[in-house]
C-alpha atoms as a PDB file:
ATOM      1  CA  MET A   1      56.797 119.116 125.237  1.00  0.00           C
ATOM      2  CA  ALA A   2      58.921 116.482 126.779  1.00  0.00           C
ATOM      3  CA  ILE A   3      60.324 114.721 129.395  1.00  0.00           C
ATOM      4  CA  THR A   4      64.139 115.168 130.579  1.00  0.00           C
ATOM      5  CA  MET A   5      65.802 113.709 132.492  1.00  0.00           C
ATOM      6  CA  THR A   6      70.249 114.745 134.361  1.00  0.00           C
ATOM      7  CA  VAL A   7      72.508 112.153 133.037  1.00  0.00           C
ATOM      8  CA  THR A   8      75.364 111.462 135.633  1.00  0.00           C
ATOM      9  CA  GLU A   9      78.964 110.171 134.507  1.00  0.00           C
ATOM     10  CA  SER A  10      78.097 106.884 135.263  1.00  0.00           C
ATOM     11  CA  GLN A  11      75.009 106.806 134.112  1.00  0.00           C
ATOM     12  CA  PHE A  12      76.666 108.069 130.574  1.00  0.00           C
ATOM     13  CA  ILE A  13      79.424 105.818 130.149  1.00  0.00           C
ATOM     14  CA  ARG A  14      77.135 102.205 131.541  1.00  0.00           C
ATOM     15  CA  GLU A  15      74.186 103.409 128.573  1.00  0.00           C
ATOM     16  CA  PHE A  16      76.973 102.161 125.468  1.00  0.00           C
ATOM     17  CA  ASP A  17      77.297  99.172 127.156  1.00  0.00           C
ATOM     18  CA  GLU A  18      73.265  99.264 127.780  1.00  0.00           C
ATOM     19  CA  MET A  19      72.453 100.078 123.459  1.00  0.00           C
ATOM     20  CA  GLY A  20      75.157  97.308 122.628  1.00  0.00           C
ATOM     21  CA  ARG A  21      77.546 100.042 121.673  1.00  0.00           C
ATOM     22  CA  SER A  22      80.724  98.877 124.265  1.00  0.00           C
ATOM     23  CA  ASN A  23      83.570  98.899 121.263  1.00  0.00           C
ATOM     24  CA  ASN A  24      82.912 102.515 120.035  1.00  0.00           C
ATOM     25  CA  PHE A  25      84.682 103.774 122.723  1.00  0.00           C
ATOM     26  CA  SER A  26      86.754 102.952 125.652  1.00  0.00           C
ATOM     27  CA  PRO A  27      85.657 103.536 129.172  1.00  0.00           C
ATOM     28  CA  LEU A  28      87.731 107.036 129.738  1.00  0.00           C
ATOM     29  CA  ALA A  29      86.422 108.053 126.193  1.00  0.00           C
ATOM     30  CA  ARG A  30      83.680 108.379 127.346  1.00  0.00           C
ATOM     31  CA  ARG A  31      84.329 110.068 129.974  1.00  0.00           C
ATOM     32  CA  LYS A  32      86.090 112.433 128.060  1.00  0.00           C
ATOM     33  CA  LEU A  33      82.757 112.544 125.345  1.00  0.00           C
ATOM     34  CA  TYR A  34      80.628 113.109 128.437  1.00  0.00           C
ATOM     35  CA  GLU A  35      83.226 116.392 130.040  1.00  0.00           C
ATOM     36  CA  ARG A  36      82.405 117.889 126.682  1.00  0.00           C
ATOM     37  CA  MET A  37      79.367 117.521 126.407  1.00  0.00           C
ATOM     38  CA  GLU A  38      78.090 118.931 130.383  1.00  0.00           C
ATOM     39  CA  ASP A  39      81.266 122.007 128.711  1.00  0.00           C
ATOM     40  CA  PHE A  40      79.035 122.402 125.273  1.00  0.00           C
ATOM     41  CA  SER A  41      75.107 122.323 127.233  1.00  0.00           C
ATOM     42  CA  GLN A  42      76.736 125.087 130.285  1.00  0.00           C
ATOM     43  CA  ASP A  43      78.659 126.945 127.650  1.00  0.00           C
ATOM     44  CA  MET A  44      74.874 126.919 125.230  1.00  0.00           C
ATOM     45  CA  GLY A  45      72.946 127.863 128.728  1.00  0.00           C
ATOM     46  CA  GLU A  46      70.847 124.470 127.787  1.00  0.00           C
ATOM     47  CA  ASP A  47      70.468 120.914 127.630  1.00  0.00           C
ATOM     48  CA  VAL A  48      71.642 118.224 125.538  1.00  0.00           C
ATOM     49  CA  ASP A  49      70.241 116.116 124.018  1.00  0.00           C
ATOM     50  CA  PHE A  50      71.802 112.695 125.053  1.00  0.00           C
ATOM     51  CA  ASP A  51      71.902 110.104 121.943  1.00  0.00           C
ATOM     52  CA  VAL A  52      74.299 107.140 122.079  1.00  0.00           C
ATOM     53  CA  ILE A  53      73.688 106.199 119.156  1.00  0.00           C
ATOM     54  CA  GLY A  54      73.977 109.897 117.147  1.00  0.00           C
ATOM     55  CA  ILE A  55      77.225 110.269 119.252  1.00  0.00           C
ATOM     56  CA  CYS A  56      78.844 107.103 118.077  1.00  0.00           C
ATOM     57  CA  CYS A  57      77.404 108.348 114.174  1.00  0.00           C
ATOM     58  CA  GLU A  58      79.347 111.742 115.022  1.00  0.00           C
ATOM     59  CA  TRP A  59      82.765 111.103 116.663  1.00  0.00           C
ATOM     60  CA  SER A  60      85.635 108.241 116.221  1.00  0.00           C
ATOM     61  CA  GLU A  61      87.476 106.695 119.355  1.00  0.00           C
ATOM     62  CA  MET A  62      91.246 106.586 116.958  1.00  0.00           C
ATOM     63  CA  SER A  63      94.646 105.453 117.591  1.00  0.00           C
ATOM     64  CA  ALA A  64      97.502 107.845 116.632  1.00  0.00           C
ATOM     65  CA  GLU A  65      98.106 104.967 113.128  1.00  0.00           C
ATOM     66  CA  GLU A  66      93.921 105.640 112.925  1.00  0.00           C
ATOM     67  CA  LEU A  67      94.141 109.488 112.089  1.00  0.00           C
ATOM     68  CA  ILE A  68      96.410 108.923 110.086  1.00  0.00           C
ATOM     69  CA  GLU A  69      95.158 106.066 107.713  1.00  0.00           C
ATOM     70  CA  ALA A  70      91.831 108.238 107.851  1.00  0.00           C
ATOM     71  CA  TYR A  71      92.836 111.702 106.912  1.00  0.00           C
ATOM     72  CA  GLY A  72      96.803 111.458 106.203  1.00  0.00           C
ATOM     73  CA  GLU A  73      97.942 111.906 103.046  1.00  0.00           C
ATOM     74  CA  GLU A  74     101.394 110.042 101.337  1.00  0.00           C
ATOM     75  CA  SER A  75     103.842 110.671 103.821  1.00  0.00           C
ATOM     76  CA  GLU A  76     102.786 113.015 106.329  1.00  0.00           C
ATOM     77  CA  GLY A  77     103.162 112.811 109.433  1.00  0.00           C
ATOM     78  CA  PHE A  78     101.070 112.118 113.186  1.00  0.00           C
ATOM     79  CA  ASP A  79     101.684 116.434 113.799  1.00  0.00           C
ATOM     80  CA  THR A  80     101.309 117.328 110.230  1.00  0.00           C
ATOM     81  CA  VAL A  81      97.357 115.294 110.141  1.00  0.00           C
ATOM     82  CA  TYR A  82      96.711 115.956 113.723  1.00  0.00           C
ATOM     83  CA  GLN A  83      96.995 120.269 112.695  1.00  0.00           C
ATOM     84  CA  ARG A  84      94.488 119.658 109.723  1.00  0.00           C
ATOM     85  CA  VAL A  85      91.885 117.544 111.503  1.00  0.00           C
ATOM     86  CA  HIS A  86      91.867 120.257 113.934  1.00  0.00           C
ATOM     87  CA  GLU A  87      91.830 123.176 112.408  1.00  0.00           C
ATOM     88  CA  ALA A  88      88.883 121.378 110.176  1.00  0.00           C
ATOM     89  CA  SER A  89      86.924 119.671 113.195  1.00  0.00           C
ATOM     90  CA  GLU A  90      86.947 119.207 116.638  1.00  0.00           C
ATOM     91  CA  ILE A  91      90.007 116.711 117.830  1.00  0.00           C
ATOM     92  CA  ILE A  92      90.114 115.800 121.933  1.00  0.00           C
ATOM     93  CA  GLU A  93      93.000 113.397 123.493  1.00  0.00           C
ATOM     94  CA  VAL A  94      92.632 110.817 125.299  1.00  0.00           C
ATOM     95  CA  ASP A  95      95.784 110.077 127.768  1.00  0.00           C
ATOM     96  CA  ALA A  96      95.442 107.242 130.220  1.00  0.00           C
ATOM     97  CA  VAL A  97      98.634 106.982 132.136  1.00  0.00           C
ATOM     98  CA  GLY A  98     101.213 103.897 130.750  1.00  0.00           C
ATOM     99  CA  VAL A  99      99.457 103.761 127.562  1.00  0.00           C
ATOM    100  CA  GLU A 100      99.542 105.277 124.303  1.00  0.00           C
ATOM    101  CA  PRO A 101      96.628 108.175 123.940  1.00  0.00           C
ATOM    102  CA  THR A 102      94.026 107.864 121.601  1.00  0.00           C
ATOM    103  CA  TYR A 103      92.161 110.602 120.161  1.00  0.00           C
ATOM    104  CA  LEU A 104      88.331 111.310 119.630  1.00  0.00           C
ATOM    105  CA  VAL A 105      87.618 112.990 116.960  1.00  0.00           C
ATOM    106  CA  LEU A 106      84.274 114.867 115.436  1.00  0.00           C
ATOM    107  CA  CYS A 107      83.681 112.849 111.896  1.00  0.00           C
ATOM    108  CA  TYR A 108      83.436 115.772 109.443  1.00  0.00           C
END
């Protein structure tokens, strides 16, 4: 038997700071992760465990350049790399007004 607690979006975002993981994801990326986990929970019809360390091990937030560096091959463009990552894993665009988007990648 386990004790469970419903976590709000603001609690979810704040927990990364409290666990010393502020630098892993931007606040906007944390919101996207919360939405993704909430959707996943609803789709599965069951609760999802909230584990900050596990999330930090499974997901990475990257710029377009970092995505190309991590997953690209010589002289491949962003669109090609994005498509390959999208086909092999999950990728979520984190788009903020006035700044370059970043990408949440479920590590594979």
